[in-house]
Amino acid sequence: MRVIVMVKATEDSEAGKMPSTELLEAMGKFNEELVNAGIMLAGEGLHPSSRGKRVAFDGASRLVIDGPFTETKELVAGFWIWQVKDMDEAIAWVKRCPNPMPGPSEIEIRPVFEAADFGDALTPEIAELDDRLRERIGGN
């Protein structure tokens, strides 16, 4: 099963405060463990929401909204995509993670949809298109 593991933003990350050398080293070692275990598929940190945009959809209308976005605790500061056998394995790995922020922080884990999750709505033609696209982008 694939999961996205999201590091939730804090006031420090939204203010653009960069991690310490010690934290970068600890996270680098943790990421290396993930790669060596065959768990990590991708992972990146994100700039503060002040550098971001949102696009709001309403029918055919599109509205661009400039950051920063107000609910810091609802924002994502970074992410990994992991291949794990189940949610328990993902939780076990997250518990080993260095605290990604200088103070209190949270990490959220959510399963990524797989083709089988869509049931009958996923026609053979759509599944074939999905397979071709994944192959082109090197996805799983």
Protein backbone atom coordinates (compact mmCIF):
# COMPACT_ATOMS: atom_id res chain seq x y z
CA MET A 1 0.00 0.00 0.00
CA ARG A 2 1.15 3.50 -0.76
CA VAL A 3 0.69 6.27 1.79
CA ILE A 4 1.37 9.97 1.80
CA VAL A 5 2.99 11.10 5.01
CA MET A 6 2.45 14.81 5.55
CA VAL A 7 4.43 16.99 7.91
CA LYS A 8 2.01 19.61 9.17
CA ALA A 9 3.08 23.25 9.08
CA THR A 10 3.85 25.25 12.21
CA GLU A 11 4.25 28.96 12.86
CA ASP A 12 8.00 28.50 12.39
CA SER A 13 7.69 26.76 9.01
CA GLU A 14 5.14 29.30 7.80
CA ALA A 15 7.51 32.10 8.88
CA GLY A 16 10.16 30.53 6.64
CA LYS A 17 12.42 29.50 9.54
CA MET A 18 14.92 27.02 8.14
CA PRO A 19 15.80 23.81 10.00
CA SER A 20 19.03 23.54 11.95
CA THR A 21 22.03 21.63 10.65
CA GLU A 22 21.36 19.00 13.32
CA LEU A 23 17.77 18.51 12.15
CA LEU A 24 18.86 18.34 8.50
CA GLU A 25 21.42 15.66 9.42
CA ALA A 26 18.88 13.67 11.46
CA MET A 27 16.27 13.85 8.68
CA GLY A 28 18.88 12.87 6.10
CA LYS A 29 19.76 9.77 8.13
CA PHE A 30 16.08 8.91 8.57
CA ASN A 31 15.45 9.32 4.82
CA GLU A 32 18.44 7.07 4.14
CA GLU A 33 16.92 4.40 6.40
CA LEU A 34 13.64 4.70 4.51
CA VAL A 35 15.37 4.34 1.14
CA ASN A 36 17.49 1.40 2.32
CA ALA A 37 14.34 -0.34 3.59
CA GLY A 38 12.60 0.17 0.22
CA ILE A 39 9.92 2.36 1.83
CA MET A 40 10.51 5.87 0.45
CA LEU A 41 9.25 6.60 -3.07
CA ALA A 42 9.43 10.41 -2.84
CA GLY A 43 9.78 13.16 -0.29
CA GLU A 44 10.17 16.92 -0.26
CA GLY A 45 9.83 19.97 1.95
CA LEU A 46 7.56 22.81 0.89
CA HIS A 47 8.06 26.57 0.99
CA PRO A 48 5.69 28.54 3.26
CA SER A 49 2.16 29.17 1.97
CA SER A 50 3.08 32.85 1.46
CA ARG A 51 4.85 31.64 -1.68
CA GLY A 52 1.88 29.56 -2.80
CA LYS A 53 -1.36 29.98 -4.69
CA ARG A 54 -4.72 28.26 -4.58
CA VAL A 55 -7.16 27.96 -7.42
CA ALA A 56 -10.82 27.90 -6.36
CA PHE A 57 -13.25 26.12 -8.69
CA ASP A 58 -16.94 26.90 -9.05
CA GLY A 59 -18.38 25.37 -12.19
CA ALA A 60 -16.47 26.89 -15.12
CA SER A 61 -15.12 29.75 -12.96
CA ARG A 62 -11.52 29.73 -11.65
CA LEU A 63 -10.31 32.16 -8.98
CA VAL A 64 -6.61 32.41 -8.04
CA ILE A 65 -6.00 33.08 -4.35
CA ASP A 66 -2.59 34.29 -3.20
CA GLY A 67 -0.99 32.90 -0.05
CA PRO A 68 -0.36 33.06 2.81
CA PHE A 69 -3.22 30.89 4.00
CA THR A 70 -4.51 31.46 7.49
CA GLU A 71 -5.04 28.05 9.09
CA THR A 72 -1.39 27.12 9.72
CA LYS A 73 -2.27 23.85 11.48
CA GLU A 74 -4.13 22.71 8.35
CA LEU A 75 -1.20 23.34 5.98
CA VAL A 76 1.45 20.88 4.84
CA ALA A 77 5.13 21.78 5.23
CA GLY A 78 6.54 18.64 3.61
CA PHE A 79 5.68 15.12 2.55
CA TRP A 80 6.89 11.64 1.75
CA ILE A 81 5.27 8.97 -0.38
CA TRP A 82 5.98 5.54 1.05
CA GLN A 83 5.33 1.96 -0.03
CA VAL A 84 4.43 -0.01 3.10
CA LYS A 85 2.66 -3.30 3.79
CA ASP A 86 -0.01 -1.65 5.93
CA MET A 87 -0.87 1.38 8.07
CA ASP A 88 0.80 -0.18 11.11
CA GLU A 89 4.13 -0.24 9.29
CA ALA A 90 3.69 3.42 8.28
CA ILE A 91 2.94 4.37 11.90
CA ALA A 92 5.99 2.48 13.12
CA TRP A 93 8.21 4.41 10.69
CA VAL A 94 6.67 7.77 11.63
CA LYS A 95 7.32 7.04 15.30
CA ARG A 96 11.02 6.67 14.42
CA CYS A 97 11.11 10.02 12.61
CA PRO A 98 13.00 12.91 14.21
CA ASN A 99 10.66 15.72 15.22
CA PRO A 100 10.54 17.65 11.93
CA MET A 101 10.00 21.00 13.65
CA PRO A 102 11.78 22.87 16.44
CA GLY A 103 8.70 22.64 18.70
CA PRO A 104 5.54 20.55 18.84
CA SER A 105 4.50 19.14 15.46
CA GLU A 106 2.24 16.58 13.81
CA ILE A 107 2.63 14.14 10.96
CA GLU A 108 -0.47 12.86 9.14
CA ILE A 109 -0.57 9.54 7.27
CA ARG A 110 -3.16 8.83 4.59
CA PRO A 111 -3.53 5.97 2.13
CA VAL A 112 -3.15 6.78 -1.56
CA PHE A 113 -5.99 5.54 -3.77
CA GLU A 114 -5.16 2.45 -5.78
CA ALA A 115 -6.98 1.49 -8.99
CA ALA A 116 -9.00 -1.23 -7.23
CA ASP A 117 -10.47 1.38 -4.85
CA PHE A 118 -12.54 2.83 -7.72
CA GLY A 119 -14.52 -0.36 -8.39
CA ASP A 120 -16.72 -0.43 -11.49
CA ALA A 121 -16.12 3.26 -12.23
CA LEU A 122 -12.62 2.30 -13.38
CA THR A 123 -13.23 0.95 -16.88
CA PRO A 124 -10.55 -1.09 -18.68
CA GLU A 125 -9.88 1.93 -20.90
CA ILE A 126 -9.32 4.22 -17.93
CA ALA A 127 -7.11 1.60 -16.24
CA GLU A 128 -5.02 1.30 -19.43
CA LEU A 129 -4.62 5.08 -19.64
CA ASP A 130 -3.62 5.18 -15.96
CA ASP A 131 -1.03 2.44 -16.53
CA ARG A 132 0.43 4.30 -19.53
CA LEU A 133 0.66 7.56 -17.59
CA ARG A 134 2.30 5.88 -14.59
CA GLU A 135 4.84 4.26 -16.87
CA ARG A 136 5.66 7.61 -18.48
CA ILE A 137 6.20 9.36 -15.15
CA GLY A 138 7.94 6.41 -13.50
CA GLY A 139 5.17 5.94 -10.96
CA ASN A 140 4.13 2.87 -9.05
